[in-house]
Amino acid sequence: MSRAQKNLLRLATELSAHEGVTHWAISMRLFGKGDFFSRLEKGSHPRSDTYEKALGLLSQRWPEDLEWPKGVERPEDTNRRTA
């Protein structure tokens, strides 16, 4: 499994556990379709632009009360959710 796959799945797992939802729900919120993370689990490799987009969307929606996972570089983004 590539680093990109591991990073995205780790983020999705931590966020879904924190919010009490499934990977499918996180995928729907980010992309409007629920199979993104299940495809990664099955071995699909994200293109670099898809990886960057997913990372950016996760960063923007990341809750302030949940620590960003160590070892996963967080994109610099001034449009993060402030709720």
Protein backbone atom coordinates (compact mmCIF):
# COMPACT_ATOMS: atom_id res chain seq x y z
CA MET A 1 0.00 0.00 0.00
CA SER A 2 1.38 3.40 -0.96
CA ARG A 3 2.01 6.23 1.48
CA ALA A 4 -0.81 8.22 -0.15
CA GLN A 5 -3.27 5.36 0.38
CA LYS A 6 -2.15 4.90 4.00
CA ASN A 7 -2.38 8.63 4.76
CA LEU A 8 -5.85 9.05 3.32
CA LEU A 9 -7.18 5.90 4.96
CA ARG A 10 -5.70 6.92 8.30
CA LEU A 11 -7.30 10.34 8.08
CA ALA A 12 -10.65 8.86 7.06
CA THR A 13 -10.51 6.28 9.84
CA GLU A 14 -9.71 8.84 12.54
CA LEU A 15 -12.30 11.32 11.28
CA SER A 16 -15.03 8.72 10.90
CA ALA A 17 -14.36 7.37 14.42
CA HIS A 18 -14.43 10.89 15.84
CA GLU A 19 -17.70 11.73 14.13
CA GLY A 20 -19.32 8.31 14.59
CA VAL A 21 -19.82 7.71 10.88
CA THR A 22 -18.42 5.39 8.22
CA HIS A 23 -15.78 5.92 5.55
CA TRP A 24 -18.68 5.99 3.11
CA ALA A 25 -20.15 9.06 4.87
CA ILE A 26 -16.79 10.85 4.86
CA SER A 27 -16.37 10.07 1.17
CA MET A 28 -19.88 11.37 0.41
CA ARG A 29 -19.13 14.62 2.24
CA LEU A 30 -15.87 15.15 0.37
CA PHE A 31 -16.64 13.87 -3.12
CA GLY A 32 -20.38 13.31 -3.40
CA LYS A 33 -19.82 9.57 -3.83
CA GLY A 34 -19.24 6.98 -1.16
CA ASP A 35 -16.72 4.59 -2.65
CA PHE A 36 -13.48 6.62 -2.58
CA PHE A 37 -12.00 5.08 0.58
CA SER A 38 -13.28 1.57 -0.14
CA ARG A 39 -11.47 1.72 -3.49
CA LEU A 40 -8.28 2.74 -1.68
CA GLU A 41 -8.68 -0.20 0.71
CA LYS A 42 -9.00 -2.51 -2.30
CA GLY A 43 -5.73 -1.25 -3.75
CA SER A 44 -6.67 1.68 -5.95
CA HIS A 45 -3.87 4.25 -6.12
CA PRO A 46 -4.94 7.90 -6.11
CA ARG A 47 -3.39 10.17 -8.73
CA SER A 48 -1.26 12.92 -7.22
CA ASP A 49 -3.88 15.60 -7.98
CA THR A 50 -6.62 13.46 -6.40
CA TYR A 51 -4.44 12.87 -3.35
CA GLU A 52 -3.78 16.60 -2.96
CA LYS A 53 -7.47 17.41 -3.41
CA ALA A 54 -8.55 14.79 -0.84
CA LEU A 55 -5.88 15.92 1.62
CA GLY A 56 -6.96 19.54 1.22
CA LEU A 57 -10.65 18.73 1.68
CA LEU A 58 -9.93 16.64 4.77
CA SER A 59 -7.78 19.43 6.20
CA GLN A 60 -10.49 22.02 5.60
CA ARG A 61 -13.12 19.90 7.34
CA TRP A 62 -10.90 18.59 10.14
CA PRO A 63 -12.47 19.32 13.55
CA GLU A 64 -10.51 21.59 15.86
CA ASP A 65 -11.01 19.17 18.76
CA LEU A 66 -9.29 16.32 16.88
CA GLU A 67 -5.51 16.35 16.56
CA TRP A 68 -4.19 16.00 13.02
CA PRO A 69 -2.34 12.66 12.90
CA LYS A 70 1.40 12.80 13.38
CA GLY A 71 3.35 11.67 10.35
CA VAL A 72 0.77 12.96 7.87
CA GLU A 73 1.80 16.29 6.42
CA ARG A 74 -1.08 18.75 6.64
CA PRO A 75 -1.45 21.16 3.75
CA GLU A 76 -1.28 24.82 4.58
CA ASP A 77 -4.77 26.15 4.09
CA THR A 78 -6.30 29.39 5.25
CA ASN A 79 -9.84 28.18 4.51
CA ARG A 80 -10.10 25.68 7.36
CA ARG A 81 -13.45 25.23 9.01
CA THR A 82 -13.88 27.41 12.05
CA ALA A 83 -16.81 25.97 13.94
